[in-house]
Amino acid sequence: MRVPPVGVAGAAALAQIWLSRGASGSTASRLVAGGAAALSVGVLLASVGSFRRHDTSVNPLEVDRAATLVRTGIFRAFRNPMYLGMAGPLVAQAIQRTGLGIDAARSTLCGGGAAGPDPDRVPSRPLADRNVPLTAP
């Protein structure tokens, strides 16, 4: 049995949801994830549109129905934009659920966000003021 790529992407999305249940990102990670998802869906729609304009099959399991090798449009920039478009929402979902460092980068760049730096994670004194031996005793 051959599973179409959209089926594999769907199964991967379900597995990702199940494995990360209970996890949620911040507003920043949701915004970045939304942008990534929108971009990848746009890539997917552009690739399907290119196939339709060239009157060829979108289904990679029906190779005998492929009438044209599409090399224009989005296919000029990407070799497999359909797969990129299907993988993009998976990446977006991972960003949304885990943040993937977006919150840490925001905290570093913005000085800890609206609430300020976390006092439990920020040293009370700069590292240069600490008495740390430079060599092992």
N, C-alpha and C. Protein backbone atom coordinates (compact mmCIF):
# COMPACT_ATOMS: atom_id res chain seq x y z
N MET A 1 0.84 -1.18 0.00
CA MET A 1 0.00 0.00 0.00
C MET A 1 0.88 1.25 0.00
N ARG A 2 0.58 2.14 -0.90
CA ARG A 2 1.33 3.39 -0.99
C ARG A 2 0.49 4.52 -0.40
N VAL A 3 1.09 5.25 0.51
CA VAL A 3 0.39 6.35 1.18
C VAL A 3 0.78 7.65 0.48
N PRO A 4 -0.19 8.47 0.07
CA PRO A 4 0.16 9.74 -0.56
C PRO A 4 0.83 10.68 0.44
N PRO A 5 1.66 11.59 -0.07
CA PRO A 5 2.38 12.51 0.82
C PRO A 5 1.48 13.31 1.75
N VAL A 6 0.29 13.69 1.29
CA VAL A 6 -0.60 14.43 2.16
C VAL A 6 -1.06 13.55 3.33
N GLY A 7 -1.16 12.25 3.12
CA GLY A 7 -1.50 11.33 4.20
C GLY A 7 -0.36 11.22 5.21
N VAL A 8 0.86 11.20 4.72
CA VAL A 8 2.03 11.15 5.61
C VAL A 8 2.11 12.44 6.43
N ALA A 9 1.88 13.59 5.77
CA ALA A 9 1.91 14.86 6.49
C ALA A 9 0.80 14.93 7.54
N GLY A 10 -0.37 14.42 7.19
CA GLY A 10 -1.48 14.40 8.16
C GLY A 10 -1.17 13.52 9.35
N ALA A 11 -0.60 12.34 9.09
CA ALA A 11 -0.23 11.43 10.19
C ALA A 11 0.86 12.06 11.06
N ALA A 12 1.81 12.75 10.44
CA ALA A 12 2.86 13.43 11.20
C ALA A 12 2.27 14.53 12.07
N ALA A 13 1.29 15.27 11.54
CA ALA A 13 0.65 16.33 12.32
C ALA A 13 -0.09 15.75 13.52
N LEU A 14 -0.80 14.65 13.31
CA LEU A 14 -1.51 14.01 14.42
C LEU A 14 -0.54 13.50 15.48
N ALA A 15 0.55 12.89 15.04
CA ALA A 15 1.57 12.40 15.98
C ALA A 15 2.19 13.56 16.75
N GLN A 16 2.44 14.65 16.06
CA GLN A 16 3.03 15.83 16.71
C GLN A 16 2.07 16.40 17.76
N ILE A 17 0.80 16.45 17.43
CA ILE A 17 -0.20 16.95 18.39
C ILE A 17 -0.26 16.03 19.60
N TRP A 18 -0.26 14.73 19.36
CA TRP A 18 -0.36 13.76 20.47
C TRP A 18 0.87 13.83 21.36
N LEU A 19 2.06 13.92 20.76
CA LEU A 19 3.29 13.94 21.54
C LEU A 19 3.48 15.23 22.33
N SER A 20 2.89 16.31 21.86
CA SER A 20 3.10 17.59 22.55
C SER A 20 1.83 18.08 23.25
N ARG A 21 0.94 17.18 23.56
CA ARG A 21 -0.31 17.60 24.21
C ARG A 21 0.00 18.29 25.53
N GLY A 22 -0.72 19.36 25.76
CA GLY A 22 -0.51 20.14 26.97
C GLY A 22 0.51 21.25 26.81
N ALA A 23 1.31 21.20 25.76
CA ALA A 23 2.32 22.25 25.55
C ALA A 23 1.70 23.40 24.77
N SER A 24 2.07 24.60 25.13
CA SER A 24 1.62 25.75 24.36
C SER A 24 2.68 26.82 24.41
N GLY A 25 2.81 27.53 23.34
CA GLY A 25 3.81 28.58 23.27
C GLY A 25 3.23 29.91 23.72
N SER A 26 4.02 30.92 23.55
CA SER A 26 3.62 32.27 23.93
C SER A 26 2.93 32.96 22.75
N THR A 27 2.54 34.17 22.97
CA THR A 27 1.94 34.96 21.89
C THR A 27 2.94 35.15 20.76
N ALA A 28 4.19 35.40 21.10
CA ALA A 28 5.22 35.60 20.07
C ALA A 28 5.39 34.34 19.23
N SER A 29 5.43 33.17 19.88
CA SER A 29 5.61 31.94 19.12
C SER A 29 4.39 31.65 18.26
N ARG A 30 3.20 32.00 18.74
CA ARG A 30 1.99 31.80 17.93
C ARG A 30 1.98 32.72 16.71
N LEU A 31 2.47 33.94 16.86
CA LEU A 31 2.53 34.87 15.73
C LEU A 31 3.53 34.38 14.68
N VAL A 32 4.69 33.94 15.12
CA VAL A 32 5.70 33.42 14.19
C VAL A 32 5.17 32.16 13.51
N ALA A 33 4.52 31.30 14.28
CA ALA A 33 3.97 30.07 13.72
C ALA A 33 2.88 30.38 12.69
N GLY A 34 2.04 31.36 12.98
CA GLY A 34 1.01 31.75 12.03
C GLY A 34 1.59 32.24 10.72
N GLY A 35 2.65 33.02 10.81
CA GLY A 35 3.33 33.49 9.60
C GLY A 35 3.95 32.35 8.81
N ALA A 36 4.60 31.43 9.52
CA ALA A 36 5.22 30.28 8.84
C ALA A 36 4.16 29.40 8.18
N ALA A 37 3.04 29.19 8.86
CA ALA A 37 1.96 28.38 8.29
C ALA A 37 1.37 29.06 7.06
N ALA A 38 1.13 30.35 7.14
CA ALA A 38 0.57 31.08 6.00
C ALA A 38 1.51 31.04 4.80
N LEU A 39 2.79 31.22 5.06
CA LEU A 39 3.78 31.17 3.98
C LEU A 39 3.82 29.79 3.33
N SER A 40 3.81 28.74 4.14
CA SER A 40 3.90 27.39 3.58
C SER A 40 2.62 27.01 2.84
N VAL A 41 1.46 27.44 3.32
CA VAL A 41 0.22 27.17 2.59
C VAL A 41 0.24 27.92 1.26
N GLY A 42 0.78 29.13 1.25
CA GLY A 42 0.92 29.87 0.00
C GLY A 42 1.82 29.14 -0.99
N VAL A 43 2.93 28.58 -0.51
CA VAL A 43 3.83 27.79 -1.37
C VAL A 43 3.09 26.56 -1.91
N LEU A 44 2.34 25.89 -1.06
CA LEU A 44 1.59 24.71 -1.49
C LEU A 44 0.55 25.08 -2.55
N LEU A 45 -0.20 26.13 -2.33
CA LEU A 45 -1.21 26.54 -3.30
C LEU A 45 -0.58 26.99 -4.62
N ALA A 46 0.55 27.66 -4.55
CA ALA A 46 1.24 28.07 -5.78
C ALA A 46 1.71 26.87 -6.58
N SER A 47 2.19 25.84 -5.89
CA SER A 47 2.66 24.65 -6.61
C SER A 47 1.49 23.89 -7.23
N VAL A 48 0.39 23.76 -6.51
CA VAL A 48 -0.79 23.10 -7.08
C VAL A 48 -1.31 23.91 -8.27
N GLY A 49 -1.31 25.23 -8.14
CA GLY A 49 -1.74 26.08 -9.24
C GLY A 49 -0.87 25.90 -10.48
N SER A 50 0.44 25.76 -10.28
CA SER A 50 1.34 25.53 -11.42
C SER A 50 1.02 24.22 -12.11
N PHE A 51 0.78 23.17 -11.33
CA PHE A 51 0.40 21.89 -11.92
C PHE A 51 -0.90 22.02 -12.71
N ARG A 52 -1.87 22.70 -12.15
CA ARG A 52 -3.17 22.86 -12.82
C ARG A 52 -3.02 23.65 -14.13
N ARG A 53 -2.21 24.72 -14.10
CA ARG A 53 -2.02 25.52 -15.31
C ARG A 53 -1.35 24.71 -16.42
N HIS A 54 -0.52 23.76 -16.05
CA HIS A 54 0.15 22.92 -17.05
C HIS A 54 -0.62 21.64 -17.34
N ASP A 55 -1.81 21.53 -16.76
CA ASP A 55 -2.71 20.40 -17.00
C ASP A 55 -2.00 19.06 -16.77
N THR A 56 -1.37 18.95 -15.61
CA THR A 56 -0.70 17.71 -15.25
C THR A 56 -1.15 17.26 -13.86
N SER A 57 -0.86 16.03 -13.53
CA SER A 57 -1.34 15.43 -12.28
C SER A 57 -0.59 15.97 -11.07
N VAL A 58 -1.34 16.23 -10.01
CA VAL A 58 -0.77 16.67 -8.74
C VAL A 58 -0.33 15.47 -7.91
N ASN A 59 -0.93 14.33 -8.15
CA ASN A 59 -0.69 13.13 -7.35
C ASN A 59 0.63 12.46 -7.75
N PRO A 60 1.61 12.41 -6.83
CA PRO A 60 2.89 11.79 -7.18
C PRO A 60 2.81 10.26 -7.30
N LEU A 61 1.71 9.68 -6.88
CA LEU A 61 1.54 8.23 -7.01
C LEU A 61 1.03 7.84 -8.39
N GLU A 62 0.58 8.81 -9.16
CA GLU A 62 0.09 8.57 -10.52
C GLU A 62 1.07 9.15 -11.54
N VAL A 63 2.25 8.60 -11.57
CA VAL A 63 3.31 9.12 -12.44
C VAL A 63 2.91 9.00 -13.91
N ASP A 64 2.17 7.96 -14.26
CA ASP A 64 1.77 7.77 -15.65
C ASP A 64 0.82 8.86 -16.14
N ARG A 65 0.17 9.59 -15.24
CA ARG A 65 -0.73 10.68 -15.62
C ARG A 65 -0.02 12.02 -15.72
N ALA A 66 1.25 12.06 -15.37
CA ALA A 66 2.01 13.31 -15.46
C ALA A 66 2.26 13.62 -16.94
N ALA A 67 1.78 14.77 -17.38
CA ALA A 67 1.89 15.12 -18.79
C ALA A 67 3.04 16.09 -19.07
N THR A 68 3.46 16.82 -18.05
CA THR A 68 4.43 17.89 -18.25
C THR A 68 5.38 17.96 -17.06
N LEU A 69 6.63 18.26 -17.35
CA LEU A 69 7.59 18.57 -16.30
C LEU A 69 7.50 20.07 -16.05
N VAL A 70 6.99 20.46 -14.90
CA VAL A 70 6.78 21.87 -14.59
C VAL A 70 8.09 22.47 -14.09
N ARG A 71 8.55 23.52 -14.79
CA ARG A 71 9.81 24.17 -14.41
C ARG A 71 9.65 25.67 -14.30
N THR A 72 8.42 26.14 -14.27
CA THR A 72 8.17 27.57 -14.18
C THR A 72 7.45 27.89 -12.88
N GLY A 73 7.24 29.18 -12.63
CA GLY A 73 6.54 29.58 -11.41
C GLY A 73 7.36 29.24 -10.19
N ILE A 74 6.70 28.72 -9.19
CA ILE A 74 7.37 28.39 -7.93
C ILE A 74 8.39 27.26 -8.11
N PHE A 75 8.18 26.43 -9.13
CA PHE A 75 9.11 25.34 -9.39
C PHE A 75 10.44 25.84 -9.93
N ARG A 76 10.49 27.07 -10.32
CA ARG A 76 11.74 27.66 -10.75
C ARG A 76 12.66 27.91 -9.56
N ALA A 77 12.07 28.18 -8.39
CA ALA A 77 12.85 28.47 -7.18
C ALA A 77 13.05 27.24 -6.30
N PHE A 78 12.09 26.33 -6.29
CA PHE A 78 12.14 25.16 -5.42
C PHE A 78 11.94 23.90 -6.24
N ARG A 79 12.66 22.86 -5.89
CA ARG A 79 12.52 21.60 -6.62
C ARG A 79 11.21 20.90 -6.27
N ASN A 80 10.84 20.88 -5.01
CA ASN A 80 9.63 20.21 -4.55
C ASN A 80 8.82 21.13 -3.64
N PRO A 81 8.20 22.17 -4.20
CA PRO A 81 7.47 23.09 -3.34
C PRO A 81 6.24 22.47 -2.67
N MET A 82 5.68 21.43 -3.26
CA MET A 82 4.52 20.79 -2.62
C MET A 82 4.94 20.17 -1.29
N TYR A 83 6.08 19.52 -1.26
CA TYR A 83 6.55 18.91 -0.01
C TYR A 83 6.95 20.00 0.99
N LEU A 84 7.55 21.06 0.49
CA LEU A 84 7.89 22.19 1.35
C LEU A 84 6.61 22.78 1.95
N GLY A 85 5.58 22.90 1.13
CA GLY A 85 4.31 23.42 1.61
C GLY A 85 3.62 22.52 2.62
N MET A 86 3.83 21.20 2.51
CA MET A 86 3.25 20.27 3.48
C MET A 86 4.08 20.20 4.76
N ALA A 87 5.38 20.39 4.65
CA ALA A 87 6.25 20.35 5.83
C ALA A 87 6.16 21.64 6.64
N GLY A 88 5.86 22.74 5.98
CA GLY A 88 5.79 24.04 6.65
C GLY A 88 4.81 24.09 7.81
N PRO A 89 3.57 23.60 7.66
CA PRO A 89 2.66 23.61 8.80
C PRO A 89 3.15 22.76 9.98
N LEU A 90 3.90 21.70 9.69
CA LEU A 90 4.46 20.90 10.78
C LEU A 90 5.49 21.71 11.57
N VAL A 91 6.32 22.45 10.85
CA VAL A 91 7.30 23.31 11.50
C VAL A 91 6.58 24.41 12.28
N ALA A 92 5.54 24.98 11.67
CA ALA A 92 4.77 26.03 12.34
C ALA A 92 4.13 25.50 13.62
N GLN A 93 3.63 24.28 13.56
CA GLN A 93 3.01 23.70 14.75
C GLN A 93 4.06 23.49 15.85
N ALA A 94 5.25 23.07 15.47
CA ALA A 94 6.32 22.90 16.46
C ALA A 94 6.70 24.25 17.07
N ILE A 95 6.77 25.28 16.26
CA ILE A 95 7.08 26.61 16.77
C ILE A 95 5.99 27.07 17.73
N GLN A 96 4.75 26.87 17.35
CA GLN A 96 3.64 27.33 18.18
C GLN A 96 3.62 26.61 19.52
N ARG A 97 3.88 25.34 19.53
CA ARG A 97 3.78 24.56 20.77
C ARG A 97 4.99 24.72 21.68
N THR A 98 6.17 24.89 21.10
CA THR A 98 7.37 24.91 21.93
C THR A 98 8.08 26.26 21.96
N GLY A 99 7.80 27.11 21.01
CA GLY A 99 8.48 28.39 20.94
C GLY A 99 9.79 28.33 20.19
N LEU A 100 10.50 27.21 20.25
CA LEU A 100 11.79 27.00 19.58
C LEU A 100 12.75 28.16 19.77
N GLY A 101 12.82 28.67 20.99
CA GLY A 101 13.78 29.72 21.31
C GLY A 101 13.30 31.13 21.02
N ILE A 102 12.08 31.26 20.48
CA ILE A 102 11.58 32.59 20.17
C ILE A 102 11.42 33.41 21.43
N ASP A 103 10.90 32.80 22.48
CA ASP A 103 10.71 33.52 23.73
C ASP A 103 12.04 33.92 24.36
N ALA A 104 13.03 33.04 24.27
CA ALA A 104 14.35 33.36 24.82
C ALA A 104 14.99 34.50 24.04
N ALA A 105 14.83 34.48 22.71
CA ALA A 105 15.39 35.56 21.90
C ALA A 105 14.69 36.88 22.21
N ARG A 106 13.38 36.83 22.34
CA ARG A 106 12.63 38.05 22.67
C ARG A 106 13.07 38.57 24.03
N SER A 107 13.25 37.66 24.98
CA SER A 107 13.65 38.06 26.32
C SER A 107 15.04 38.69 26.30
N THR A 108 15.94 38.09 25.53
CA THR A 108 17.31 38.61 25.45
C THR A 108 17.33 39.96 24.75
N LEU A 109 16.62 40.07 23.65
CA LEU A 109 16.64 41.30 22.87
C LEU A 109 15.86 42.43 23.54
N CYS A 110 14.82 42.08 24.27
CA CYS A 110 13.94 43.10 24.85
C CYS A 110 14.15 43.26 26.35
N GLY A 111 15.16 42.67 26.91
CA GLY A 111 15.43 42.83 28.33
C GLY A 111 14.42 42.15 29.22
N GLY A 112 13.88 41.03 28.77
CA GLY A 112 12.99 40.26 29.63
C GLY A 112 11.53 40.50 29.39
N GLY A 113 11.18 41.29 28.42
CA GLY A 113 9.77 41.51 28.12
C GLY A 113 9.15 42.51 29.09
N ALA A 114 7.82 42.55 29.12
CA ALA A 114 7.10 43.54 29.92
C ALA A 114 7.34 43.36 31.41
N ALA A 115 7.50 42.12 31.86
CA ALA A 115 7.68 41.86 33.29
C ALA A 115 9.12 42.01 33.73
N GLY A 116 10.04 42.18 32.79
CA GLY A 116 11.45 42.29 33.14
C GLY A 116 12.10 40.92 33.26
N PRO A 117 13.39 40.87 33.49
CA PRO A 117 14.09 39.60 33.57
C PRO A 117 13.62 38.77 34.77
N ASP A 118 13.67 37.48 34.63
CA ASP A 118 13.30 36.57 35.70
C ASP A 118 14.39 36.62 36.77
N PRO A 119 14.07 37.05 38.00
CA PRO A 119 15.11 37.20 39.03
C PRO A 119 15.75 35.88 39.42
N ASP A 120 15.06 34.76 39.22
CA ASP A 120 15.64 33.47 39.56
C ASP A 120 16.67 33.02 38.54
N ARG A 121 16.65 33.59 37.35
CA ARG A 121 17.55 33.17 36.29
C ARG A 121 18.66 34.18 36.04
N VAL A 122 18.54 35.36 36.57
CA VAL A 122 19.53 36.40 36.35
C VAL A 122 20.39 36.50 37.60
N PRO A 123 21.72 36.46 37.46
CA PRO A 123 22.57 36.57 38.65
C PRO A 123 22.39 37.93 39.33
N SER A 124 22.49 37.91 40.66
CA SER A 124 22.31 39.15 41.41
C SER A 124 23.49 40.10 41.18
N ARG A 125 24.65 39.55 40.88
CA ARG A 125 25.82 40.38 40.60
C ARG A 125 26.36 40.00 39.23
N PRO A 126 26.99 40.92 38.54
CA PRO A 126 27.60 40.56 37.26
C PRO A 126 28.65 39.48 37.47
N LEU A 127 28.87 38.68 36.43
CA LEU A 127 29.83 37.57 36.54
C LEU A 127 31.23 38.06 36.85
N ALA A 128 31.59 39.24 36.40
CA ALA A 128 32.93 39.75 36.65
C ALA A 128 33.17 40.02 38.13
N ASP A 129 32.13 40.24 38.93
CA ASP A 129 32.28 40.52 40.35
C ASP A 129 32.39 39.24 41.19
N ARG A 130 32.14 38.11 40.62
CA ARG A 130 32.16 36.87 41.38
C ARG A 130 33.60 36.40 41.61
N ASN A 131 33.80 35.75 42.70
CA ASN A 131 35.13 35.19 43.02
C ASN A 131 35.19 33.78 42.50
N VAL A 132 35.57 33.65 41.26
CA VAL A 132 35.65 32.35 40.61
C VAL A 132 37.12 32.08 40.31
N PRO A 133 37.66 30.97 40.82
CA PRO A 133 39.06 30.68 40.52
C PRO A 133 39.26 30.41 39.04
N LEU A 134 40.37 30.91 38.51
CA LEU A 134 40.67 30.72 37.10
C LEU A 134 41.34 29.38 36.84
N THR A 135 41.92 28.80 37.87
CA THR A 135 42.58 27.51 37.70
C THR A 135 42.02 26.55 38.75
N ALA A 136 42.12 25.30 38.46
CA ALA A 136 41.65 24.28 39.40
C ALA A 136 42.61 24.22 40.59
N PRO A 137 42.10 24.02 41.82
CA PRO A 137 42.99 23.99 43.00
C PRO A 137 43.90 22.79 42.99
